[in-house]
Amino acid sequence: MPAFPYSTTTTSTPTAVAVPPQLALPVIEAVFPRQLHAYWPQLQEKTRGWLLEKRLMPADKVEEHADGLCYTDLMAGYYIGAPDEVLQAIADYSAWFFVWDDRHDRDIVHGRPAAWRRLRSALHTALDSPREHLRHQDALVAGLADSVLRFYSFLSPAWNARFARHFHAVIEAYDREFHNRTEGVVPTVEEYLALRRLTFAHWIWTDLLEPSAGCELPDAVRKNPAYRRPALLSQEFAAWYNDLCSLPKELAGDEVHNLGISLVKHDGLTLEEAVREMRRRVEECVSEFLVAEQEGLRFADGLADGTVRGKELGAAVRDCLGNMRNWFSSVYWFHHESGRYMVDSWDDRSTPPYVDDEAAGEK
């Protein structure tokens, strides 16, 4: 089955996906054509097999839901040009991330703080010594160890240390979410936006642009505003559009972490006003990215100074910017094709059909 047989790339063919008017972004459909890595069919098959091998989802859940969740489609539409083994590692890790997110949610829903504390501690340890955790009794810990060990083979020890530092921060942000939800604390808008950059793993997905481009970027390039701003905007778009699309699911599940929920709680907006404000922010991300993208391309041109290294860096920055752009369309269509957001079709709007409560955390 093709990832998207109903592309809206450069043709006027209407999409077979019904995008609700409140979620439709014509600028994405018109200006951000969809792409798909040629490796996608193998990627989907191998990630499905990896989920089974690592015991991250029961066989019946993999059979019924894995393809429809579209996790591999999301990554195959993002990291265009990545070597096959890099994309495979990213796709497996992405699938792991979604499973981890579901475990975190179920541990909260079922009141399993001890299970969460054990998992949090083990993930921190596995991140620093993955080889020693490949056979950990918790499948999530072993799955993370497998993923990061593959990542750590692509670039330098400095990149590995940066990735680990960024993901340690993500784990801690998930812990803050655990306590917020357990205690019913809705963060303010500013608190939420800062936390969201971590729980959405903005800098992890940005870090992975480098092995996809086959080039580790020096700090002077990576931290330059001309590179960092489009990177941040692409991730902010994804996080906020996710909030917009997942708001019904999260309201049904008594969530406290959603931009819309913070806007209602702390800024006094009605739900309808909050949705409009979220849309405004999402659309502003798109328009600001289009400006920042041009600045980034000028920056890439300036790096290509006639030296071999300059040419390599300029090309890598162009590749990374191209994939930042791909993130917009990949995220947009993922939210309308993945069963993860089809809450209206679930038997229980608060319990996703692709999770297995009995397999997660404490029995």
Protein backbone atom coordinates (compact mmCIF):
# COMPACT_ATOMS: atom_id res chain seq x y z
CA MET A 1 0.00 0.00 0.00
CA PRO A 2 1.52 3.37 -0.95
CA ALA A 3 2.12 5.90 1.78
CA PHE A 4 -0.03 8.50 0.09
CA PRO A 5 -1.77 7.48 -3.13
CA TYR A 6 -3.64 10.79 -3.05
CA SER A 7 -0.79 13.30 -3.08
CA THR A 8 -1.54 16.98 -3.45
CA THR A 9 2.01 17.81 -4.53
CA THR A 10 2.19 19.69 -7.80
CA THR A 11 -1.10 18.57 -9.32
CA SER A 12 -4.65 19.74 -8.80
CA THR A 13 -5.84 16.21 -7.99
CA PRO A 14 -8.03 16.47 -4.88
CA THR A 15 -6.86 14.54 -1.86
CA ALA A 16 -8.86 11.53 -0.73
CA VAL A 17 -8.29 12.60 2.86
CA ALA A 18 -11.05 14.74 4.31
CA VAL A 19 -9.29 17.53 6.17
CA PRO A 20 -11.72 19.28 8.54
CA PRO A 21 -12.05 22.97 7.66
CA GLN A 22 -10.79 24.06 11.08
CA LEU A 23 -7.59 22.05 10.48
CA ALA A 24 -7.08 22.75 6.78
CA LEU A 25 -4.02 24.82 5.83
CA PRO A 26 -4.20 25.66 2.12
CA VAL A 27 -0.67 27.11 2.21
CA ILE A 28 0.74 23.70 3.17
CA GLU A 29 -1.14 21.96 0.39
CA ALA A 30 -0.08 24.59 -2.16
CA VAL A 31 3.48 25.54 -1.20
CA PHE A 32 4.90 22.47 0.58
CA PRO A 33 4.76 19.56 -1.87
CA ARG A 34 4.93 16.09 -0.36
CA GLN A 35 7.93 13.90 -0.86
CA LEU A 36 8.64 10.32 0.17
CA HIS A 37 11.95 8.57 0.60
CA ALA A 38 12.35 5.77 -1.96
CA TYR A 39 13.14 3.34 0.86
CA TRP A 40 9.66 3.71 2.39
CA PRO A 41 8.23 0.26 1.48
CA GLN A 42 11.16 -1.55 3.11
CA LEU A 43 11.09 0.94 5.97
CA GLN A 44 7.48 0.15 6.80
CA GLU A 45 8.09 -3.59 6.69
CA LYS A 46 11.28 -3.50 8.73
CA THR A 47 9.93 -1.17 11.40
CA ARG A 48 6.91 -3.44 11.77
CA GLY A 49 9.31 -6.35 12.25
CA TRP A 50 11.43 -4.35 14.69
CA LEU A 51 8.40 -3.56 16.86
CA LEU A 52 7.69 -7.29 17.06
CA GLU A 53 11.29 -8.32 17.61
CA LYS A 54 11.74 -5.82 20.43
CA ARG A 55 8.33 -6.71 21.95
CA LEU A 56 7.26 -3.08 21.86
CA MET A 57 3.74 -3.88 20.65
CA PRO A 58 1.82 -7.15 20.86
CA ALA A 59 1.61 -9.04 17.58
CA ASP A 60 -2.12 -8.45 17.21
CA LYS A 61 -1.70 -4.70 17.71
CA VAL A 62 1.14 -4.59 15.16
CA GLU A 63 -0.95 -6.53 12.66
CA GLU A 64 -4.05 -4.41 13.14
CA HIS A 65 -2.62 -0.94 13.73
CA ALA A 66 1.08 -0.49 12.85
CA ASP A 67 0.66 0.45 9.18
CA GLY A 68 -2.40 2.60 9.84
CA LEU A 69 -0.60 4.62 12.49
CA CYS A 70 1.71 5.86 9.68
CA TYR A 71 4.79 6.30 11.89
CA THR A 72 7.13 5.30 9.07
CA ASP A 73 5.32 7.59 6.63
CA LEU A 74 6.04 10.53 8.93
CA MET A 75 9.79 9.91 8.93
CA ALA A 76 10.00 8.87 5.27
CA GLY A 77 8.42 12.20 4.36
CA TYR A 78 10.90 14.15 6.48
CA TYR A 79 14.46 12.86 6.16
CA ILE A 80 14.64 12.81 2.37
CA GLY A 81 18.09 11.86 1.10
CA ALA A 82 19.11 10.04 4.27
CA PRO A 83 21.08 6.81 3.78
CA ASP A 84 18.74 3.84 4.14
CA GLU A 85 20.34 2.64 7.38
CA VAL A 86 20.05 6.11 8.90
CA LEU A 87 16.39 6.42 7.94
CA GLN A 88 15.70 2.93 9.30
CA ALA A 89 17.26 3.82 12.65
CA ILE A 90 15.26 7.06 12.77
CA ALA A 91 11.98 5.33 11.87
CA ASP A 92 12.49 2.63 14.49
CA TYR A 93 13.31 5.26 17.10
CA SER A 94 10.26 7.30 16.10
CA ALA A 95 8.02 4.24 16.51
CA TRP A 96 9.70 3.61 19.88
CA PHE A 97 9.00 7.24 20.87
CA PHE A 98 5.29 6.88 20.17
CA VAL A 99 5.15 3.63 22.19
CA TRP A 100 7.01 5.35 25.04
CA ASP A 101 4.56 8.26 24.91
CA ASP A 102 1.69 5.78 25.19
CA ARG A 103 3.31 4.00 28.16
CA HIS A 104 3.79 7.37 29.88
CA ASP A 105 0.12 8.17 29.32
CA ARG A 106 -1.10 4.79 30.60
CA ASP A 107 1.13 4.97 33.70
CA ILE A 108 -0.56 8.28 34.51
CA VAL A 109 -4.08 7.08 33.73
CA HIS A 110 -3.68 3.93 35.83
CA GLY A 111 -1.79 5.58 38.69
CA ARG A 112 1.56 3.81 38.32
CA PRO A 113 4.13 6.30 39.66
CA ALA A 114 6.56 3.60 40.80
CA ALA A 115 6.59 2.05 37.32
CA TRP A 116 7.22 5.47 35.77
CA ARG A 117 10.09 6.22 38.17
CA ARG A 118 11.77 2.91 37.33
CA LEU A 119 11.36 3.51 33.61
CA ARG A 120 12.62 7.10 33.80
CA SER A 121 15.76 6.00 35.68
CA ALA A 122 16.44 3.10 33.32
CA LEU A 123 16.06 5.27 30.22
CA HIS A 124 18.59 7.77 31.53
CA THR A 125 21.06 4.95 32.18
CA ALA A 126 20.46 3.23 28.83
CA LEU A 127 21.07 6.49 27.01
CA ASP A 128 24.57 6.71 28.49
CA SER A 129 25.44 3.00 28.20
CA PRO A 130 23.22 1.50 25.52
CA ARG A 131 25.30 -1.62 24.88
CA GLU A 132 24.75 -2.79 28.46
CA HIS A 133 20.97 -2.42 28.12
CA LEU A 134 20.23 -4.26 24.88
CA ARG A 135 18.72 -7.19 26.82
CA HIS A 136 17.00 -5.18 29.53
CA GLN A 137 13.85 -6.86 30.86
CA ASP A 138 11.76 -3.80 30.02
CA ALA A 139 11.25 -3.80 26.26
CA LEU A 140 11.13 0.01 26.17
CA VAL A 141 14.59 0.28 27.75
CA ALA A 142 16.04 -2.35 25.40
CA GLY A 143 14.39 -0.65 22.42
CA LEU A 144 15.92 2.72 23.29
CA ALA A 145 19.33 1.09 23.76
CA ASP A 146 19.10 -0.49 20.31
CA SER A 147 18.06 2.78 18.68
CA VAL A 148 20.69 5.02 20.20
CA LEU A 149 23.46 2.48 19.70
CA ARG A 150 22.70 2.67 15.98
CA PHE A 151 22.63 6.48 16.09
CA TYR A 152 25.95 6.57 17.89
CA SER A 153 27.62 4.79 14.97
CA PHE A 154 26.90 7.51 12.40
CA LEU A 155 28.81 10.62 13.47
CA SER A 156 31.33 11.66 16.14
CA PRO A 157 31.41 11.20 19.93
CA ALA A 158 30.63 14.92 20.19
CA TRP A 159 27.38 14.45 18.25
CA ASN A 160 26.55 11.42 20.40
CA ALA A 161 27.08 13.44 23.59
CA ARG A 162 24.88 16.24 22.24
CA PHE A 163 22.11 13.80 21.32
CA ALA A 164 22.29 12.21 24.77
CA ARG A 165 22.21 15.61 26.47
CA HIS A 166 19.16 16.61 24.45
CA PHE A 167 17.33 13.36 25.18
CA HIS A 168 18.12 13.40 28.90
CA ALA A 169 16.28 16.75 28.91
CA VAL A 170 13.32 15.17 27.09
CA ILE A 171 13.05 12.40 29.69
CA GLU A 172 13.03 14.98 32.47
CA ALA A 173 10.36 16.99 30.66
CA TYR A 174 8.21 13.86 30.48
CA ASP A 175 8.67 13.55 34.24
CA ARG A 176 7.40 17.11 34.70
CA GLU A 177 4.39 16.23 32.56
CA PHE A 178 3.80 13.15 34.71
CA HIS A 179 3.62 15.24 37.86
CA ASN A 180 1.53 17.99 36.24
CA ARG A 181 -1.06 15.49 35.07
CA THR A 182 -1.06 13.56 38.33
CA GLU A 183 -1.62 16.78 40.27
CA GLY A 184 -3.98 18.37 37.72
CA VAL A 185 -1.64 21.31 37.05
CA VAL A 186 -2.25 23.17 33.79
CA PRO A 187 0.94 25.12 32.92
CA THR A 188 0.70 28.76 31.86
CA VAL A 189 1.07 29.42 28.15
CA GLU A 190 4.73 30.40 28.47
CA GLU A 191 5.50 27.46 30.76
CA TYR A 192 3.76 25.15 28.35
CA LEU A 193 5.59 26.42 25.27
CA ALA A 194 8.97 25.92 26.97
CA LEU A 195 7.98 22.43 28.13
CA ARG A 196 6.57 21.53 24.71
CA ARG A 197 9.90 22.18 23.01
CA LEU A 198 11.29 19.39 25.15
CA THR A 199 8.40 16.90 25.14
CA PHE A 200 8.09 17.22 21.38
CA ALA A 201 11.88 16.71 21.22
CA HIS A 202 12.55 19.71 18.97
CA TRP A 203 16.31 19.39 19.16
CA ILE A 204 16.34 15.60 18.77
CA TRP A 205 14.60 15.72 15.39
CA THR A 206 16.85 18.63 14.41
CA ASP A 207 19.99 16.74 15.50
CA LEU A 208 18.95 13.84 13.25
CA LEU A 209 19.04 16.09 10.19
CA GLU A 210 22.84 15.83 10.36
CA PRO A 211 23.35 12.06 9.95
CA SER A 212 20.63 12.25 7.30
CA ALA A 213 22.78 14.78 5.42
CA GLY A 214 25.93 12.78 6.17
CA CYS A 215 27.60 15.78 7.79
CA GLU A 216 28.04 16.88 11.39
CA LEU A 217 27.61 20.64 11.62
CA PRO A 218 30.02 22.68 13.76
CA ASP A 219 28.51 24.83 16.51
CA ALA A 220 29.23 28.01 14.54
CA VAL A 221 26.89 26.75 11.82
CA ARG A 222 24.32 24.90 13.92
CA LYS A 223 23.86 27.76 16.39
CA ASN A 224 23.80 30.52 13.79
CA PRO A 225 20.34 32.17 13.80
CA ALA A 226 20.10 31.67 10.05
CA TYR A 227 20.10 27.90 10.68
CA ARG A 228 18.57 27.71 14.12
CA ARG A 229 15.50 29.86 13.39
CA PRO A 230 14.05 27.82 10.51
CA ALA A 231 14.85 24.66 12.49
CA LEU A 232 12.88 25.96 15.47
CA LEU A 233 9.98 27.20 13.35
CA SER A 234 9.61 23.83 11.62
CA GLN A 235 9.42 22.11 15.00
CA GLU A 236 7.10 24.69 16.56
CA PHE A 237 4.73 24.26 13.64
CA ALA A 238 4.71 20.52 14.18
CA ALA A 239 4.13 20.76 17.92
CA TRP A 240 1.38 23.36 17.71
CA TYR A 241 -0.37 21.71 14.78
CA ASN A 242 -0.25 18.48 16.76
CA ASP A 243 -1.92 20.32 19.65
CA LEU A 244 -4.62 21.62 17.34
CA CYS A 245 -5.34 18.17 15.92
CA SER A 246 -5.07 16.25 19.20
CA LEU A 247 -7.15 18.66 21.29
CA PRO A 248 -10.32 16.46 21.16
CA LYS A 249 -8.31 13.37 22.12
CA GLU A 250 -6.58 15.18 24.97
CA LEU A 251 -9.76 16.75 26.31
CA ALA A 252 -11.33 13.28 26.32
CA GLY A 253 -8.32 11.90 28.18
CA ASP A 254 -8.22 14.63 30.86
CA GLU A 255 -4.89 15.95 29.58
CA VAL A 256 -3.46 19.21 30.90
CA HIS A 257 -0.72 19.68 28.28
CA ASN A 258 -2.05 21.35 25.17
CA LEU A 259 -1.68 24.91 24.00
CA GLY A 260 -5.45 25.19 23.72
CA ILE A 261 -5.99 23.99 27.28
CA SER A 262 -3.45 26.52 28.61
CA LEU A 263 -5.08 29.32 26.62
CA VAL A 264 -8.49 28.49 28.08
CA LYS A 265 -7.24 28.03 31.65
CA HIS A 266 -4.83 30.95 31.96
CA ASP A 267 -5.77 33.46 29.23
CA GLY A 268 -9.53 33.20 29.74
CA LEU A 269 -10.33 32.20 26.15
CA THR A 270 -13.33 30.12 25.21
CA LEU A 271 -12.55 26.83 23.50
CA GLU A 272 -13.52 28.32 20.14
CA GLU A 273 -11.29 31.34 20.71
CA ALA A 274 -8.42 29.09 21.76
CA VAL A 275 -8.73 27.07 18.55
CA ARG A 276 -8.61 30.28 16.51
CA GLU A 277 -5.53 31.46 18.41
CA MET A 278 -3.80 28.11 17.85
CA ARG A 279 -4.54 28.34 14.14
CA ARG A 280 -3.13 31.86 14.06
CA ARG A 281 0.09 30.74 15.69
CA VAL A 282 0.40 27.75 13.36
CA GLU A 283 -0.14 29.91 10.26
CA GLU A 284 2.35 32.47 11.56
CA CYS A 285 4.95 29.69 11.91
CA VAL A 286 4.49 28.85 8.25
CA SER A 287 4.82 32.41 7.00
CA GLU A 288 7.83 33.10 9.23
CA PHE A 289 9.51 29.90 8.08
CA LEU A 290 9.23 30.95 4.44
CA VAL A 291 11.18 34.11 5.29
CA ALA A 292 13.70 32.31 7.52
CA GLU A 293 14.22 29.63 4.86
CA GLN A 294 15.49 32.25 2.42
CA GLU A 295 17.89 33.62 5.02
CA GLY A 296 19.10 30.08 5.64
CA LEU A 297 19.73 29.52 1.95
CA ARG A 298 21.76 32.74 1.78
CA PHE A 299 23.71 31.50 4.79
CA ALA A 300 24.40 28.20 3.00
CA ASP A 301 25.60 30.10 -0.07
CA GLY A 302 27.99 32.07 2.12
CA LEU A 303 29.45 28.89 3.62
CA ALA A 304 30.39 27.65 0.15
CA ASP A 305 33.53 29.81 0.07
CA GLY A 306 35.48 27.87 -2.56
CA THR A 307 37.09 25.45 -0.10
CA VAL A 308 36.24 21.75 0.01
CA ARG A 309 34.99 22.11 3.59
CA GLY A 310 32.95 25.19 2.74
CA LYS A 311 31.31 23.39 -0.15
CA GLU A 312 30.51 20.41 2.09
CA LEU A 313 28.98 22.60 4.81
CA GLY A 314 26.98 24.68 2.37
CA ALA A 315 25.52 21.55 0.76
CA ALA A 316 24.72 20.01 4.15
CA VAL A 317 22.91 23.14 5.35
CA ARG A 318 20.89 23.17 2.12
CA ASP A 319 19.97 19.52 2.68
CA CYS A 320 18.93 20.22 6.26
CA LEU A 321 16.86 23.25 5.23
CA GLY A 322 15.15 21.16 2.57
CA ASN A 323 14.17 18.61 5.16
CA MET A 324 12.99 21.28 7.59
CA ARG A 325 10.65 22.28 4.77
CA ASN A 326 9.59 18.63 4.26
CA TRP A 327 8.60 18.42 7.92
CA PHE A 328 5.66 20.78 7.30
CA SER A 329 3.92 18.61 4.73
CA SER A 330 4.86 15.34 6.41
CA VAL A 331 3.45 16.45 9.77
CA TYR A 332 0.35 17.98 8.17
CA TRP A 333 -0.71 14.87 6.28
CA PHE A 334 0.33 12.50 9.06
CA HIS A 335 -2.29 14.05 11.30
CA HIS A 336 -5.04 13.34 8.78
CA GLU A 337 -3.93 9.84 7.80
CA SER A 338 -2.74 8.30 11.07
CA GLY A 339 -5.13 6.30 13.19
CA ARG A 340 -3.51 7.97 16.18
CA TYR A 341 -5.79 11.00 15.78
CA MET A 342 -9.03 9.36 14.61
CA VAL A 343 -10.56 9.65 18.06
CA ASP A 344 -14.12 9.72 16.74
CA SER A 345 -13.69 6.16 15.45
CA TRP A 346 -12.53 4.73 18.81
CA ASP A 347 -14.83 2.66 21.01
CA ASP A 348 -13.61 4.69 23.98
CA ARG A 349 -12.46 8.24 23.18
CA SER A 350 -10.12 8.21 26.18
CA THR A 351 -8.40 4.89 25.37
CA PRO A 352 -6.51 4.48 22.08
CA PRO A 353 -7.20 1.07 20.49
CA TYR A 354 -3.50 0.60 19.63
CA VAL A 355 -2.30 0.55 23.26
CA ASP A 356 -2.16 -2.51 25.48
CA ASP A 357 -2.76 -1.55 29.09
CA GLU A 358 -1.85 -4.96 30.43
CA ALA A 359 1.56 -4.93 28.75
CA ALA A 360 2.61 -1.58 30.17
CA GLY A 361 4.06 -0.74 33.55
CA GLU A 362 2.88 -2.52 36.67
CA LYS A 363 0.39 -5.33 36.28
